[in-house]
Amino acid sequence: MKEKLVDIQTLLEWLGYEDVRSVRVWCKKNKIPLFDVGKRTYTVADFLDIFLEKELKLFVEANYEHPASILEAINNDDKTTFSTLVEAPVTDKVKKVFKNNKTMSKQAQDFLSQIKTA
């Protein structure tokens, strides 16, 4: 259970706040429970995961055509499908650089020459 706990100082860093009181307000607003153990304050990471999934779902539904497919690609860590669904832009400059980097080594050229002559 200990590994599932996130302390309030970590939340402070993640959220970019400078004061613990702001973190407490944020947690209360987003229904993320905080509890004290000794002198430290914690929450359970699962509550944060649920919050992030909900926010991501709302964002994807508001900004993309196929939200269910995009969310599935994110959950499956399928970067190819994800980039296709969100139409990840690739600039012409990047395309040219990628195409120009496909030069063959001398050994590869010699090998292809041997195959062609055989």
Protein backbone atom coordinates (compact mmCIF):
# COMPACT_ATOMS: atom_id res chain seq x y z
CA MET A 1 0.00 0.00 0.00
CA LYS A 2 2.90 2.34 0.76
CA GLU A 3 3.99 2.48 -2.88
CA LYS A 4 0.52 3.76 -3.88
CA LEU A 5 0.80 6.82 -1.64
CA VAL A 6 1.74 10.25 -2.97
CA ASP A 7 2.81 12.85 -0.43
CA ILE A 8 1.63 16.44 -0.54
CA GLN A 9 5.13 17.74 -1.32
CA THR A 10 5.17 15.67 -4.52
CA LEU A 11 1.76 17.07 -5.46
CA LEU A 12 3.11 20.54 -4.78
CA GLU A 13 5.84 19.96 -7.37
CA TRP A 14 3.56 18.25 -9.91
CA LEU A 15 0.97 21.01 -9.77
CA GLY A 16 3.51 23.81 -9.77
CA TYR A 17 2.24 25.45 -6.61
CA GLU A 18 4.46 27.19 -4.07
CA ASP A 19 2.19 26.76 -1.05
CA VAL A 20 0.78 23.55 0.43
CA ARG A 21 -2.51 25.34 1.13
CA SER A 22 -3.05 25.70 -2.64
CA VAL A 23 -2.57 21.96 -3.05
CA ARG A 24 -5.13 21.30 -0.32
CA VAL A 25 -7.65 23.59 -2.08
CA TRP A 26 -6.97 21.89 -5.43
CA CYS A 27 -7.46 18.44 -3.90
CA LYS A 28 -10.69 19.46 -2.22
CA LYS A 29 -12.01 21.01 -5.45
CA ASN A 30 -11.18 17.85 -7.44
CA LYS A 31 -12.41 15.42 -4.77
CA ILE A 32 -8.99 13.94 -4.12
CA PRO A 33 -8.78 12.92 -0.46
CA LEU A 34 -5.84 13.87 1.71
CA PHE A 35 -5.02 12.19 5.00
CA ASP A 36 -2.33 12.63 7.62
CA VAL A 37 0.04 9.94 8.78
CA GLY A 38 2.17 11.38 11.53
CA LYS A 39 3.56 14.69 10.31
CA ARG A 40 3.08 13.92 6.61
CA THR A 41 0.04 14.29 4.37
CA TYR A 42 -0.75 11.79 1.60
CA THR A 43 -3.24 10.81 -1.04
CA VAL A 44 -3.62 7.55 -2.94
CA ALA A 45 -2.20 7.61 -6.48
CA ASP A 46 -5.32 5.89 -7.85
CA PHE A 47 -7.39 9.01 -7.16
CA LEU A 48 -4.92 11.05 -9.21
CA ASP A 49 -5.03 8.50 -12.03
CA ILE A 50 -8.84 8.67 -12.13
CA PHE A 51 -8.72 12.47 -12.19
CA LEU A 52 -6.17 12.50 -15.04
CA GLU A 53 -8.12 9.95 -17.09
CA LYS A 54 -11.29 12.00 -16.70
CA GLU A 55 -9.55 15.23 -17.74
CA LEU A 56 -7.85 13.53 -20.70
CA LYS A 57 -11.17 12.06 -21.86
CA LEU A 58 -12.86 15.48 -21.71
CA PHE A 59 -9.99 17.08 -23.64
CA VAL A 60 -9.90 14.41 -26.35
CA GLU A 61 -13.70 14.43 -26.78
CA ALA A 62 -13.69 18.22 -27.15
CA ASN A 63 -10.82 18.39 -29.65
CA TYR A 64 -10.75 15.25 -31.83
CA GLU A 65 -13.12 13.31 -34.08
CA HIS A 66 -12.52 9.75 -32.87
CA PRO A 67 -12.07 10.09 -29.10
CA ALA A 68 -12.69 6.42 -28.24
CA SER A 69 -10.03 5.23 -30.69
CA ILE A 70 -7.56 7.85 -29.48
CA LEU A 71 -8.08 6.90 -25.84
CA GLU A 72 -7.68 3.22 -26.71
CA ALA A 73 -4.42 3.97 -28.54
CA ILE A 74 -3.16 5.90 -25.50
CA ASN A 75 -4.09 3.07 -23.13
CA ASN A 76 -2.44 0.47 -25.40
CA ASP A 77 0.63 2.69 -25.91
CA ASP A 78 0.09 2.42 -29.68
CA LYS A 79 2.03 5.45 -30.89
CA THR A 80 1.48 4.75 -34.60
CA THR A 81 -2.29 4.62 -34.36
CA PHE A 82 -2.31 7.56 -31.96
CA SER A 83 -0.29 9.79 -34.28
CA THR A 84 -2.50 8.83 -37.23
CA LEU A 85 -5.70 9.58 -35.33
CA VAL A 86 -4.55 12.97 -34.06
CA GLU A 87 -2.97 13.73 -37.44
CA ALA A 88 0.38 14.57 -35.90
CA PRO A 89 1.96 17.15 -38.17
CA VAL A 90 5.28 16.41 -39.79
CA THR A 91 6.89 19.45 -41.35
CA ASP A 92 8.43 19.32 -44.81
CA LYS A 93 11.80 20.11 -43.26
CA VAL A 94 11.60 16.99 -41.09
CA LYS A 95 10.52 14.87 -44.07
CA LYS A 96 13.50 16.10 -46.15
CA VAL A 97 15.96 15.46 -43.34
CA PHE A 98 14.59 11.97 -42.84
CA LYS A 99 14.78 11.14 -46.56
CA ASN A 100 18.32 12.50 -46.87
CA ASN A 101 19.54 10.34 -43.98
CA LYS A 102 18.86 7.15 -45.95
CA THR A 103 22.35 7.04 -47.50
CA MET A 104 23.93 3.62 -47.67
CA SER A 105 27.34 2.73 -46.39
CA LYS A 106 30.09 1.68 -48.81
CA GLN A 107 29.71 -1.94 -47.69
CA ALA A 108 25.97 -1.87 -48.37
CA GLN A 109 26.51 -0.38 -51.83
CA ASP A 110 29.14 -3.03 -52.64
CA PHE A 111 26.81 -5.79 -51.45
CA LEU A 112 23.96 -4.52 -53.66
CA SER A 113 26.34 -4.27 -56.63
CA GLN A 114 27.40 -7.88 -56.13
CA ILE A 115 23.79 -9.02 -56.00
CA LYS A 116 22.89 -7.11 -59.17
CA THR A 117 25.81 -8.57 -61.10
CA ALA A 118 25.16 -12.13 -59.97
